[in-house]
Structure formats: C-alpha cells, structure tokens
Amino acid sequence: MTTLFKIVTVKDEIVIGLSDAELDALGGRDAGAVARALKTRGELTAWQYAVRKAATGELEQAPRQKVGLLAHESLRVEPYPTPLAVRSHD
C-alpha cells in the first residue's frame, strides 16, 4: 500500500507517496515519522504523485517522478487524504 503526504514549503507544495516498507524504514507510518526522518537525515528521496487518468478513464493518484527533499526549518509534512485510487510505485 502507498500512503500520500503533502510536503509544504514557503514556495510551493507537492504530494509524495511512500510504501509501507519505506515508511517502516523511516520508523513510522505517519507524517511525524516522515518529518523526523527528514530532520534527522537532512534529505529524503520519494516519488512525487499527481492525478492522471487510468486506462479505465477514472482519475487516480499515480507516481510522476522521483524527487529529492531537503530538510528546511519551514517545511511541513501533512497527511494527504484522497478519494481517488492510489497507484503503487513498487
């Protein structure tokens, strides 16, 4: 399963997705664990997610590209609930 998070900075925001295994490696499955990992490690690589049309014509959240996140004082991590299906990046 993939869990989505919104990364908010003073300049912009993006949605990232992390698998259960990736979250377990960070030490938890919530926004706090992602924020702590960023602060501790200073950086984190994740898949950026965006809305697209699936083959069925339905909208879905799907991996777009891998991005690198750098820790910053004004960075905020939030859960990102969505009514759309979430495609795994694994």
C-alpha atoms as a PDB file:
ATOM      1  CA  MET A   1       0.000   0.000   0.000  1.00  0.00           C
ATOM      2  CA  THR A   2       1.131   3.571  -0.681  1.00  0.00           C
ATOM      3  CA  THR A   3       0.447   6.448   1.706  1.00  0.00           C
ATOM      4  CA  LEU A   4       0.375  10.010   0.388  1.00  0.00           C
ATOM      5  CA  PHE A   5       1.778  13.074   2.152  1.00  0.00           C
ATOM      6  CA  LYS A   6       1.734  16.751   1.221  1.00  0.00           C
ATOM      7  CA  ILE A   7       5.087  18.491   1.595  1.00  0.00           C
ATOM      8  CA  VAL A   8       4.518  22.218   2.145  1.00  0.00           C
ATOM      9  CA  THR A   9       7.253  24.852   1.940  1.00  0.00           C
ATOM     10  CA  VAL A  10       7.154  28.644   1.789  1.00  0.00           C
ATOM     11  CA  LYS A  11       7.446  28.449  -2.010  1.00  0.00           C
ATOM     12  CA  ASP A  12       5.240  25.525  -3.030  1.00  0.00           C
ATOM     13  CA  GLU A  13       3.793  22.149  -2.148  1.00  0.00           C
ATOM     14  CA  ILE A  14       3.963  18.681  -3.649  1.00  0.00           C
ATOM     15  CA  VAL A  15       2.376  15.323  -2.916  1.00  0.00           C
ATOM     16  CA  ILE A  16       4.664  12.351  -2.318  1.00  0.00           C
ATOM     17  CA  GLY A  17       3.911   8.674  -1.852  1.00  0.00           C
ATOM     18  CA  LEU A  18       5.732   6.216   0.372  1.00  0.00           C
ATOM     19  CA  SER A  19       5.157   2.476   0.541  1.00  0.00           C
ATOM     20  CA  ASP A  20       4.576   0.646   3.814  1.00  0.00           C
ATOM     21  CA  ALA A  21       8.136  -0.726   3.606  1.00  0.00           C
ATOM     22  CA  GLU A  22       9.585   2.754   3.056  1.00  0.00           C
ATOM     23  CA  LEU A  23       7.586   4.135   5.987  1.00  0.00           C
ATOM     24  CA  ASP A  24       8.663   1.253   8.224  1.00  0.00           C
ATOM     25  CA  ALA A  25      12.281   2.054   7.327  1.00  0.00           C
ATOM     26  CA  LEU A  26      11.632   5.646   8.455  1.00  0.00           C
ATOM     27  CA  GLY A  27      10.338   4.417  11.805  1.00  0.00           C
ATOM     28  CA  GLY A  28       6.604   5.032  11.475  1.00  0.00           C
ATOM     29  CA  ARG A  29       3.662   5.354   9.122  1.00  0.00           C
ATOM     30  CA  ASP A  30       2.544   8.913   9.791  1.00  0.00           C
ATOM     31  CA  ALA A  31       3.516  12.482   8.853  1.00  0.00           C
ATOM     32  CA  GLY A  32       5.535  12.819  12.064  1.00  0.00           C
ATOM     33  CA  ALA A  33       7.767   9.913  11.086  1.00  0.00           C
ATOM     34  CA  VAL A  34       8.412  11.457   7.667  1.00  0.00           C
ATOM     35  CA  ALA A  35       9.208  14.851   9.235  1.00  0.00           C
ATOM     36  CA  ARG A  36      11.537  13.282  11.819  1.00  0.00           C
ATOM     37  CA  ALA A  37      13.348  11.303   9.112  1.00  0.00           C
ATOM     38  CA  LEU A  38      13.833  14.451   7.043  1.00  0.00           C
ATOM     39  CA  LYS A  39      15.188  16.359  10.038  1.00  0.00           C
ATOM     40  CA  THR A  40      17.479  13.502  11.105  1.00  0.00           C
ATOM     41  CA  ARG A  41      18.754  12.556   7.649  1.00  0.00           C
ATOM     42  CA  GLY A  42      18.669  16.027   6.139  1.00  0.00           C
ATOM     43  CA  GLU A  43      17.263  14.629   2.887  1.00  0.00           C
ATOM     44  CA  LEU A  44      14.804  12.056   1.588  1.00  0.00           C
ATOM     45  CA  THR A  45      14.084  10.607  -1.854  1.00  0.00           C
ATOM     46  CA  ALA A  46      10.464   9.816  -2.682  1.00  0.00           C
ATOM     47  CA  TRP A  47       8.040   9.526  -5.577  1.00  0.00           C
ATOM     48  CA  GLN A  48       6.089  12.663  -6.419  1.00  0.00           C
ATOM     49  CA  TYR A  49       2.427  11.872  -7.094  1.00  0.00           C
ATOM     50  CA  ALA A  50      -0.049  13.583  -9.420  1.00  0.00           C
ATOM     51  CA  VAL A  51      -3.585  12.999 -10.671  1.00  0.00           C
ATOM     52  CA  ARG A  52      -3.926  11.285 -14.049  1.00  0.00           C
ATOM     53  CA  LYS A  53      -6.454   9.248 -15.995  1.00  0.00           C
ATOM     54  CA  ALA A  54      -6.174   5.488 -15.602  1.00  0.00           C
ATOM     55  CA  ALA A  55      -6.683   3.123 -18.543  1.00  0.00           C
ATOM     56  CA  THR A  56     -10.317   2.805 -17.437  1.00  0.00           C
ATOM     57  CA  GLY A  57     -10.815   6.575 -17.757  1.00  0.00           C
ATOM     58  CA  GLU A  58     -11.092   7.025 -13.992  1.00  0.00           C
ATOM     59  CA  LEU A  59      -8.880   9.548 -12.230  1.00  0.00           C
ATOM     60  CA  GLU A  60      -6.149   8.181  -9.986  1.00  0.00           C
ATOM     61  CA  GLN A  61      -3.135   9.343  -7.995  1.00  0.00           C
ATOM     62  CA  ALA A  62      -0.048   7.962  -9.727  1.00  0.00           C
ATOM     63  CA  PRO A  63       3.735   8.270  -9.415  1.00  0.00           C
ATOM     64  CA  ARG A  64       5.103  11.040 -11.622  1.00  0.00           C
ATOM     65  CA  GLN A  65       8.830  11.262 -10.894  1.00  0.00           C
ATOM     66  CA  LYS A  66      11.355  10.656  -8.151  1.00  0.00           C
ATOM     67  CA  VAL A  67      12.213  13.785  -6.187  1.00  0.00           C
ATOM     68  CA  GLY A  68      14.753  14.662  -3.540  1.00  0.00           C
ATOM     69  CA  LEU A  69      13.561  16.539  -0.453  1.00  0.00           C
ATOM     70  CA  LEU A  70      15.926  18.617   1.663  1.00  0.00           C
ATOM     71  CA  ALA A  71      15.221  19.404   5.297  1.00  0.00           C
ATOM     72  CA  HIS A  72      14.321  23.013   5.997  1.00  0.00           C
ATOM     73  CA  GLU A  73      13.037  24.883   9.047  1.00  0.00           C
ATOM     74  CA  SER A  74       9.833  26.000   7.305  1.00  0.00           C
ATOM     75  CA  LEU A  75       8.995  22.631   5.746  1.00  0.00           C
ATOM     76  CA  ARG A  76       5.748  20.966   6.849  1.00  0.00           C
ATOM     77  CA  VAL A  77       4.564  17.384   6.256  1.00  0.00           C
ATOM     78  CA  GLU A  78       0.819  16.651   6.249  1.00  0.00           C
ATOM     79  CA  PRO A  79      -1.232  13.526   5.576  1.00  0.00           C
ATOM     80  CA  TYR A  80      -2.859  13.752   2.141  1.00  0.00           C
ATOM     81  CA  PRO A  81      -6.232  12.013   2.067  1.00  0.00           C
ATOM     82  CA  THR A  82      -7.706  11.436  -1.391  1.00  0.00           C
ATOM     83  CA  PRO A  83     -10.926   9.842  -2.662  1.00  0.00           C
ATOM     84  CA  LEU A  84      -9.012   8.641  -5.746  1.00  0.00           C
ATOM     85  CA  ALA A  85      -7.353   5.271  -6.156  1.00  0.00           C
ATOM     86  CA  VAL A  86      -3.629   5.422  -5.421  1.00  0.00           C
ATOM     87  CA  ARG A  87      -1.326   3.561  -7.808  1.00  0.00           C
ATOM     88  CA  SER A  88       1.715   1.955  -6.138  1.00  0.00           C
ATOM     89  CA  HIS A  89       5.211   2.908  -7.278  1.00  0.00           C
ATOM     90  CA  ASP A  90       6.673  -0.510  -6.410  1.00  0.00           C
END
